Structure formats: structure tokens, C-alpha cells
């Protein structure tokens, strides 16, 4: 059986999800929203790529999608807070 390689795009997607939280909580919810959407897109691509038996990272991609979805909600609330206050 061949060794599985970790999907690079899955790792980048998780990093993007973490950066989106950082951007949102440092007062840049619009950039946080953009990066969170990017993390979701890259997570979906990572899930598709990890369907190959030679490439792993499916769970990491799913994690990045979930983190991206959570941060989209937090970013939207932050944007509403900026508009109101």
C-alpha cells in the first residue's frame, strides 16, 4: 500500500480559517469574512482532492469548512456591530 501524503490545500485552508478568526477579533471583520469564505472554498477543494487514496486531509478540510462557517457568523455580527456603533 502506498503512503498517503497530506493535502497541502487542507493545511492552507485550516490556516486561513485561523487567520480569519484573528482578523475578525482584531477589529477587521470584513477581512475576516473574506478570508473565512476563502477557507470554506479551499476546504471544499481539499475534500474533493482528498477523495484520492494517495492524498489525505479530508478531516482537516472538513474542520476548516466548519471553522470558516463559524467565523462567517462571527464576522457578520462584527460587521453589524460596526454599522450600529
C-alpha atoms as a PDB file:
ATOM      1  CA  UNK A   1       0.000   0.000   0.000  1.00  0.00           C
ATOM      2  CA  UNK A   2       1.345   3.411  -0.961  1.00  0.00           C
ATOM      3  CA  UNK A   3       1.972   6.047   1.669  1.00  0.00           C
ATOM      4  CA  UNK A   4      -0.631   8.755   1.940  1.00  0.00           C
ATOM      5  CA  UNK A   5       0.531  12.326   1.533  1.00  0.00           C
ATOM      6  CA  UNK A   6      -1.129  15.129   3.425  1.00  0.00           C
ATOM      7  CA  UNK A   7      -3.116  17.531   1.293  1.00  0.00           C
ATOM      8  CA  UNK A   8      -1.384  20.903   1.185  1.00  0.00           C
ATOM      9  CA  UNK A   9      -4.603  22.690   0.359  1.00  0.00           C
ATOM     10  CA  UNK A  10      -6.208  21.259   3.513  1.00  0.00           C
ATOM     11  CA  UNK A  11      -3.413  22.692   5.650  1.00  0.00           C
ATOM     12  CA  UNK A  12      -3.684  26.069   3.934  1.00  0.00           C
ATOM     13  CA  UNK A  13      -7.465  26.015   4.449  1.00  0.00           C
ATOM     14  CA  UNK A  14      -7.070  25.489   8.210  1.00  0.00           C
ATOM     15  CA  UNK A  15      -4.506  28.287   8.383  1.00  0.00           C
ATOM     16  CA  UNK A  16      -6.906  30.560   6.502  1.00  0.00           C
ATOM     17  CA  UNK A  17      -9.683  29.706   8.973  1.00  0.00           C
ATOM     18  CA  UNK A  18      -7.437  30.554  11.936  1.00  0.00           C
ATOM     19  CA  UNK A  19      -6.295  33.802  10.282  1.00  0.00           C
ATOM     20  CA  UNK A  20      -9.934  34.745   9.662  1.00  0.00           C
ATOM     21  CA  UNK A  21     -10.641  34.450  13.403  1.00  0.00           C
ATOM     22  CA  UNK A  22      -7.574  36.576  14.123  1.00  0.00           C
ATOM     23  CA  UNK A  23      -8.688  39.246  11.648  1.00  0.00           C
ATOM     24  CA  UNK A  24     -12.231  39.288  12.971  1.00  0.00           C
ATOM     25  CA  UNK A  25     -11.229  39.592  16.615  1.00  0.00           C
ATOM     26  CA  UNK A  26      -8.620  42.298  15.933  1.00  0.00           C
ATOM     27  CA  UNK A  27     -11.251  44.631  14.531  1.00  0.00           C
ATOM     28  CA  UNK A  28     -11.268  43.730  10.821  1.00  0.00           C
ATOM     29  CA  UNK A  29     -14.455  41.686  10.385  1.00  0.00           C
ATOM     30  CA  UNK A  30     -14.732  42.439   6.661  1.00  0.00           C
ATOM     31  CA  UNK A  31     -11.291  40.928   6.006  1.00  0.00           C
ATOM     32  CA  UNK A  32     -12.180  38.128   8.402  1.00  0.00           C
ATOM     33  CA  UNK A  33     -15.299  37.407   6.340  1.00  0.00           C
ATOM     34  CA  UNK A  34     -13.330  37.367   3.083  1.00  0.00           C
ATOM     35  CA  UNK A  35     -10.669  35.029   4.474  1.00  0.00           C
ATOM     36  CA  UNK A  36     -13.343  32.797   6.058  1.00  0.00           C
ATOM     37  CA  UNK A  37     -15.061  32.432   2.688  1.00  0.00           C
ATOM     38  CA  UNK A  38     -11.686  31.612   1.163  1.00  0.00           C
ATOM     39  CA  UNK A  39     -11.141  28.969   3.865  1.00  0.00           C
ATOM     40  CA  UNK A  40     -14.517  27.414   3.077  1.00  0.00           C
ATOM     41  CA  UNK A  41     -13.761  27.292  -0.650  1.00  0.00           C
ATOM     42  CA  UNK A  42     -10.315  25.798  -0.080  1.00  0.00           C
ATOM     43  CA  UNK A  43     -11.815  23.312   2.386  1.00  0.00           C
ATOM     44  CA  UNK A  44     -14.298  22.138  -0.226  1.00  0.00           C
ATOM     45  CA  UNK A  45     -11.481  21.762  -2.753  1.00  0.00           C
ATOM     46  CA  UNK A  46      -9.477  19.871  -0.112  1.00  0.00           C
ATOM     47  CA  UNK A  47     -12.341  17.439   0.459  1.00  0.00           C
ATOM     48  CA  UNK A  48     -12.592  16.812  -3.278  1.00  0.00           C
ATOM     49  CA  UNK A  49      -8.833  16.298  -3.640  1.00  0.00           C
ATOM     50  CA  UNK A  50      -8.667  14.013  -0.607  1.00  0.00           C
ATOM     51  CA  UNK A  51     -11.042  11.605  -2.308  1.00  0.00           C
ATOM     52  CA  UNK A  52      -7.917  10.222  -3.962  1.00  0.00           C
ATOM     53  CA  UNK A  53      -6.453   7.333  -1.954  1.00  0.00           C
ATOM     54  CA  UNK A  54      -2.963   8.844  -2.299  1.00  0.00           C
ATOM     55  CA  UNK A  55      -3.838  12.156  -0.649  1.00  0.00           C
ATOM     56  CA  UNK A  56      -5.110  12.618   2.896  1.00  0.00           C
ATOM     57  CA  UNK A  57      -6.502  15.636   4.672  1.00  0.00           C
ATOM     58  CA  UNK A  58     -10.232  15.062   4.400  1.00  0.00           C
ATOM     59  CA  UNK A  59     -10.887  15.611   8.105  1.00  0.00           C
ATOM     60  CA  UNK A  60      -8.670  18.688   8.137  1.00  0.00           C
ATOM     61  CA  UNK A  61     -10.631  20.091   5.200  1.00  0.00           C
ATOM     62  CA  UNK A  62     -13.934  19.433   6.951  1.00  0.00           C
ATOM     63  CA  UNK A  63     -12.566  21.152  10.060  1.00  0.00           C
ATOM     64  CA  UNK A  64     -11.609  24.206   8.003  1.00  0.00           C
ATOM     65  CA  UNK A  65     -15.095  24.320   6.470  1.00  0.00           C
ATOM     66  CA  UNK A  66     -16.692  24.215   9.931  1.00  0.00           C
ATOM     67  CA  UNK A  67     -14.325  26.864  11.320  1.00  0.00           C
ATOM     68  CA  UNK A  68     -14.975  29.022   8.264  1.00  0.00           C
ATOM     69  CA  UNK A  69     -18.735  28.756   8.756  1.00  0.00           C
ATOM     70  CA  UNK A  70     -18.443  29.726  12.418  1.00  0.00           C
ATOM     71  CA  UNK A  71     -16.269  32.695  11.540  1.00  0.00           C
ATOM     72  CA  UNK A  72     -18.660  33.838   8.811  1.00  0.00           C
ATOM     73  CA  UNK A  73     -21.301  34.172  11.516  1.00  0.00           C
ATOM     74  CA  UNK A  74     -18.937  35.954  13.886  1.00  0.00           C
ATOM     75  CA  UNK A  75     -17.727  38.278  11.111  1.00  0.00           C
ATOM     76  CA  UNK A  76     -21.277  39.177  10.109  1.00  0.00           C
ATOM     77  CA  UNK A  77     -22.074  40.008  13.730  1.00  0.00           C
ATOM     78  CA  UNK A  78     -18.901  42.125  13.867  1.00  0.00           C
ATOM     79  CA  UNK A  79     -19.874  43.981  10.714  1.00  0.00           C
ATOM     80  CA  UNK A  80     -23.349  44.639  12.136  1.00  0.00           C
ATOM     81  CA  UNK A  81     -21.708  45.900  15.326  1.00  0.00           C
ATOM     82  CA  UNK A  82     -19.538  48.299  13.328  1.00  0.00           C
ATOM     83  CA  UNK A  83     -22.537  49.598  11.419  1.00  0.00           C
ATOM     84  CA  UNK A  84     -24.653  50.116  14.557  1.00  0.00           C
ATOM     85  CA  UNK A  85     -21.937  51.517  16.792  1.00  0.00           C
END
